[in-house]
Amino acid sequence: MDILGDRKFVEVPGGRNHELPPLLVKMKPQVRSLNRVMNLAAGLIEQEDMIPAPSIESLLPEEYLDRARQQLERSKMDLALNLVDQYLGLIQHWQWGDGILEWIRQCEMTFEMRSDLRLLLHPDVWPHASRSSFVQLLEDKAVKTEGVEIEKAVGLRLAFRQPPPISCCSNQFLFYLNGTLAHSAYDTWAGMSPDRASALPPERFSFEVVNMALE
């Protein structure tokens, strides 16, 4: 086993480069109706009273009252757009996580079919914590992700079997909690590996990344 700093790399038999299955991922967030998401975001703002109306409306002259109402509507629209942006970022991360977990499954089958790779995998129950070495491989290979954090993406997919609709998300979750939850899920999963220090040497593996997003 090679050691580089605090990293340990498994010894891959032979000297050949191993071609792994392609990583198929939707690189852009896919939602059924962006207008519907926008309407739900606007409803969330109203339901949670995120921008309450001024309590002194009755004391304002009519000309100032109209201006205040217009400003209030603009503020609600800006906040709704912000919520939608946060939600689309969540969906983009989830889609990457979904693609990565499926890619890991495909890599498992590839390893199982090759005698020189088979013994590198621990035969435990899916989702295998020891498979976090494949996530590390993606990071070591510097896969271009359009700003997506790979570990956060996998954490979100571990936390949610399906992408949550925006109606199920509180503003607190979208603004503050989804990153914390995702990283916690990933760290807990990866930390259960029986040999989490072992990594796959990136120079011995290659694969393609294919964008499956609908244009």
Protein backbone atom coordinates (compact mmCIF):
# COMPACT_ATOMS: atom_id res chain seq x y z
CA MET A 1 0.00 0.00 0.00
CA ASP A 2 1.46 3.36 -1.08
CA ILE A 3 1.37 6.22 1.43
CA LEU A 4 1.35 9.89 0.40
CA GLY A 5 1.11 12.27 3.35
CA ASP A 6 -1.88 11.05 5.37
CA ARG A 7 -3.37 9.28 2.35
CA LYS A 8 -3.04 5.54 1.76
CA PHE A 9 -3.54 4.16 -1.73
CA VAL A 10 -4.45 0.54 -2.39
CA GLU A 11 -2.06 -1.49 -4.48
CA VAL A 12 -3.66 -2.32 -7.82
CA PRO A 13 -2.11 -5.46 -9.34
CA GLY A 14 -0.23 -5.11 -12.61
CA GLY A 15 0.57 -1.89 -14.42
CA ARG A 16 -2.37 -1.45 -16.79
CA ASN A 17 -4.79 1.45 -16.82
CA HIS A 18 -8.34 0.38 -15.97
CA GLU A 19 -11.26 1.88 -17.88
CA LEU A 20 -14.29 2.38 -15.63
CA PRO A 21 -17.91 2.81 -16.80
CA PRO A 22 -18.88 6.35 -17.84
CA LEU A 23 -20.37 8.66 -15.22
CA LEU A 24 -23.82 9.63 -16.53
CA VAL A 25 -25.14 12.75 -14.87
CA LYS A 26 -27.61 15.55 -15.49
CA MET A 27 -25.37 18.58 -15.18
CA LYS A 28 -28.21 21.12 -15.24
CA PRO A 29 -31.15 21.05 -12.80
CA GLN A 30 -34.17 19.38 -14.39
CA VAL A 31 -37.62 20.43 -13.13
CA ARG A 32 -40.97 19.78 -14.77
CA SER A 33 -42.16 23.40 -14.71
CA LEU A 34 -40.05 26.36 -13.69
CA ASN A 35 -43.18 28.54 -13.53
CA ARG A 36 -44.77 26.12 -11.07
CA VAL A 37 -41.62 26.15 -8.92
CA MET A 38 -41.71 29.96 -8.95
CA ASN A 39 -45.37 30.00 -7.90
CA LEU A 40 -44.68 27.54 -5.08
CA ALA A 41 -41.76 29.68 -3.90
CA ALA A 42 -44.02 32.74 -3.86
CA GLY A 43 -46.59 30.75 -1.86
CA LEU A 44 -43.89 29.70 0.60
CA ILE A 45 -43.02 33.33 1.23
CA GLU A 46 -46.66 34.16 1.93
CA GLN A 47 -47.27 31.11 4.15
CA GLU A 48 -44.22 31.67 6.31
CA ASP A 49 -44.76 35.44 6.39
CA MET A 50 -41.12 35.99 5.43
CA ILE A 51 -41.76 39.64 4.49
CA PRO A 52 -44.61 40.89 6.67
CA ALA A 53 -46.59 43.90 5.48
CA PRO A 54 -45.89 47.17 7.34
CA SER A 55 -48.21 47.71 10.29
CA ILE A 56 -48.39 51.46 9.71
CA GLU A 57 -50.04 51.32 6.28
CA SER A 58 -53.13 53.16 7.47
CA LEU A 59 -50.98 56.10 8.61
CA LEU A 60 -49.33 56.64 5.23
CA PRO A 61 -50.66 59.02 2.58
CA GLU A 62 -52.12 57.21 -0.42
CA GLU A 63 -49.23 58.18 -2.72
CA TYR A 64 -46.68 56.72 -0.31
CA LEU A 65 -48.88 53.71 0.38
CA ASP A 66 -48.87 52.69 -3.31
CA ARG A 67 -45.10 53.07 -3.43
CA ALA A 68 -44.70 50.95 -0.28
CA ARG A 69 -46.91 48.23 -1.73
CA GLN A 70 -44.89 48.17 -4.94
CA GLN A 71 -41.67 47.92 -2.98
CA LEU A 72 -43.14 45.09 -0.90
CA GLU A 73 -44.10 43.15 -4.04
CA ARG A 74 -40.63 43.67 -5.53
CA SER A 75 -39.05 42.41 -2.32
CA LYS A 76 -41.28 39.32 -2.38
CA MET A 77 -40.38 38.67 -6.01
CA ASP A 78 -36.64 39.01 -5.31
CA LEU A 79 -36.91 36.62 -2.38
CA ALA A 80 -38.92 34.13 -4.45
CA LEU A 81 -36.25 34.24 -7.16
CA ASN A 82 -33.60 33.64 -4.50
CA LEU A 83 -35.53 30.67 -3.12
CA VAL A 84 -35.88 29.20 -6.61
CA ASP A 85 -32.15 29.65 -7.20
CA GLN A 86 -31.38 27.84 -3.94
CA TYR A 87 -33.82 25.07 -4.84
CA LEU A 88 -32.37 24.58 -8.33
CA GLY A 89 -28.93 24.32 -6.73
CA LEU A 90 -30.28 21.59 -4.44
CA ILE A 91 -31.75 19.72 -7.42
CA GLN A 92 -28.50 20.03 -9.35
CA HIS A 93 -26.55 18.57 -6.43
CA TRP A 94 -29.09 15.75 -5.95
CA GLN A 95 -28.91 14.82 -9.65
CA TRP A 96 -25.12 14.63 -9.47
CA GLY A 97 -25.36 12.50 -6.33
CA ASP A 98 -27.85 10.16 -8.01
CA GLY A 99 -25.57 9.78 -11.01
CA ILE A 100 -22.54 9.16 -8.80
CA LEU A 101 -24.23 6.42 -6.75
CA GLU A 102 -25.36 4.67 -9.93
CA TRP A 103 -21.81 5.03 -11.30
CA ILE A 104 -20.45 3.41 -8.14
CA ARG A 105 -22.84 0.48 -8.70
CA GLN A 106 -21.53 0.11 -12.26
CA CYS A 107 -17.94 0.29 -11.00
CA GLU A 108 -18.74 -2.45 -8.48
CA MET A 109 -19.86 -4.76 -11.27
CA THR A 110 -16.74 -3.92 -13.26
CA PHE A 111 -14.51 -4.74 -10.30
CA GLU A 112 -16.39 -8.00 -9.65
CA MET A 113 -15.83 -9.16 -13.23
CA ARG A 114 -12.07 -8.60 -13.11
CA SER A 115 -9.93 -10.92 -11.03
CA ASP A 116 -7.19 -8.29 -10.60
CA LEU A 117 -9.67 -5.81 -9.10
CA ARG A 118 -12.18 -8.04 -7.29
CA LEU A 119 -10.31 -8.27 -3.99
CA LEU A 120 -10.07 -4.46 -3.67
CA LEU A 121 -13.74 -4.21 -2.64
CA HIS A 122 -15.18 -5.10 0.76
CA PRO A 123 -18.31 -7.32 0.33
CA ASP A 124 -20.71 -5.46 2.63
CA VAL A 125 -24.28 -4.20 2.34
CA TRP A 126 -25.23 -1.38 -0.07
CA PRO A 127 -24.73 1.52 0.12
CA HIS A 128 -21.19 0.46 0.92
CA ALA A 129 -19.39 2.98 3.11
CA SER A 130 -16.11 1.72 1.72
CA ARG A 131 -17.24 2.91 -1.71
CA SER A 132 -16.45 6.46 -0.63
CA SER A 133 -13.08 5.67 -2.25
CA PHE A 134 -14.85 6.15 -5.60
CA VAL A 135 -16.06 9.58 -4.48
CA GLN A 136 -12.47 10.41 -3.55
CA LEU A 137 -11.39 9.17 -6.98
CA LEU A 138 -13.75 11.67 -8.64
CA GLU A 139 -12.20 14.46 -6.57
CA ASP A 140 -8.65 13.28 -7.29
CA LYS A 141 -9.44 13.22 -11.01
CA ALA A 142 -10.69 16.84 -10.76
CA VAL A 143 -13.98 16.07 -12.49
CA LYS A 144 -15.60 19.26 -13.77
CA THR A 145 -18.90 19.64 -11.92
CA GLU A 146 -20.16 23.13 -12.84
CA GLY A 147 -19.75 24.26 -9.23
CA VAL A 148 -21.32 21.18 -7.61
CA GLU A 149 -19.63 19.91 -4.44
CA ILE A 150 -19.25 16.17 -4.96
CA GLU A 151 -19.48 15.15 -1.29
CA LYS A 152 -22.52 17.38 -0.75
CA ALA A 153 -24.14 15.87 -3.85
CA VAL A 154 -23.65 12.32 -2.61
CA GLY A 155 -24.85 13.32 0.87
CA LEU A 156 -28.08 14.74 -0.53
CA ARG A 157 -28.69 11.57 -2.53
CA LEU A 158 -28.06 9.47 0.58
CA ALA A 159 -30.55 11.63 2.50
CA PHE A 160 -33.26 11.77 -0.20
CA ARG A 161 -34.26 8.79 -2.33
CA GLN A 162 -36.13 11.21 -4.60
CA PRO A 163 -35.48 14.94 -5.08
CA PRO A 164 -37.74 16.77 -2.59
CA PRO A 165 -40.32 19.14 -4.13
CA ILE A 166 -39.92 22.78 -3.16
CA SER A 167 -43.25 22.59 -1.30
CA CYS A 168 -41.58 20.21 1.18
CA CYS A 169 -38.66 22.55 1.82
CA SER A 170 -38.74 25.32 4.40
CA ASN A 171 -36.93 28.57 3.67
CA GLN A 172 -34.55 27.67 6.51
CA PHE A 173 -33.67 24.40 4.78
CA LEU A 174 -33.05 26.06 1.43
CA PHE A 175 -30.99 28.93 2.81
CA TYR A 176 -29.05 27.30 5.63
CA LEU A 177 -29.64 23.62 6.34
CA ASN A 178 -29.36 21.57 3.16
CA GLY A 179 -25.57 21.92 2.94
CA THR A 180 -25.11 21.03 6.60
CA LEU A 181 -27.44 18.04 6.31
CA ALA A 182 -25.77 16.81 3.13
CA HIS A 183 -22.22 17.03 4.47
CA SER A 184 -23.27 15.36 7.72
CA ALA A 185 -24.90 12.50 5.79
CA TYR A 186 -21.81 12.01 3.66
CA ASP A 187 -19.36 12.19 6.57
CA THR A 188 -21.42 9.67 8.56
CA TRP A 189 -21.58 7.30 5.59
CA ALA A 190 -17.90 7.58 4.70
CA GLY A 191 -16.89 7.31 8.35
CA MET A 192 -18.43 3.83 8.57
CA SER A 193 -15.87 2.43 6.12
CA PRO A 194 -13.72 -0.29 7.66
CA ASP A 195 -10.65 1.19 5.94
CA ARG A 196 -11.58 4.77 5.08
CA ALA A 197 -7.94 5.82 4.70
CA SER A 198 -7.50 3.65 1.58
CA ALA A 199 -7.90 5.41 -1.77
CA LEU A 200 -7.80 4.31 -5.39
CA PRO A 201 -4.71 5.59 -7.25
CA PRO A 202 -6.15 8.05 -9.80
CA GLU A 203 -3.42 7.42 -12.38
CA ARG A 204 -4.55 3.79 -12.70
CA PHE A 205 -8.18 4.52 -13.60
CA SER A 206 -9.93 6.46 -16.34
CA PHE A 207 -13.56 7.14 -17.28
CA GLU A 208 -15.72 9.56 -19.23
CA VAL A 209 -18.26 11.99 -17.82
CA VAL A 210 -21.41 12.22 -19.98
CA ASN A 211 -23.95 15.02 -19.63
CA MET A 212 -27.47 13.53 -19.71
CA ALA A 213 -29.31 16.83 -19.10
CA LEU A 214 -32.10 17.70 -21.51
CA GLU A 215 -31.39 20.89 -23.44
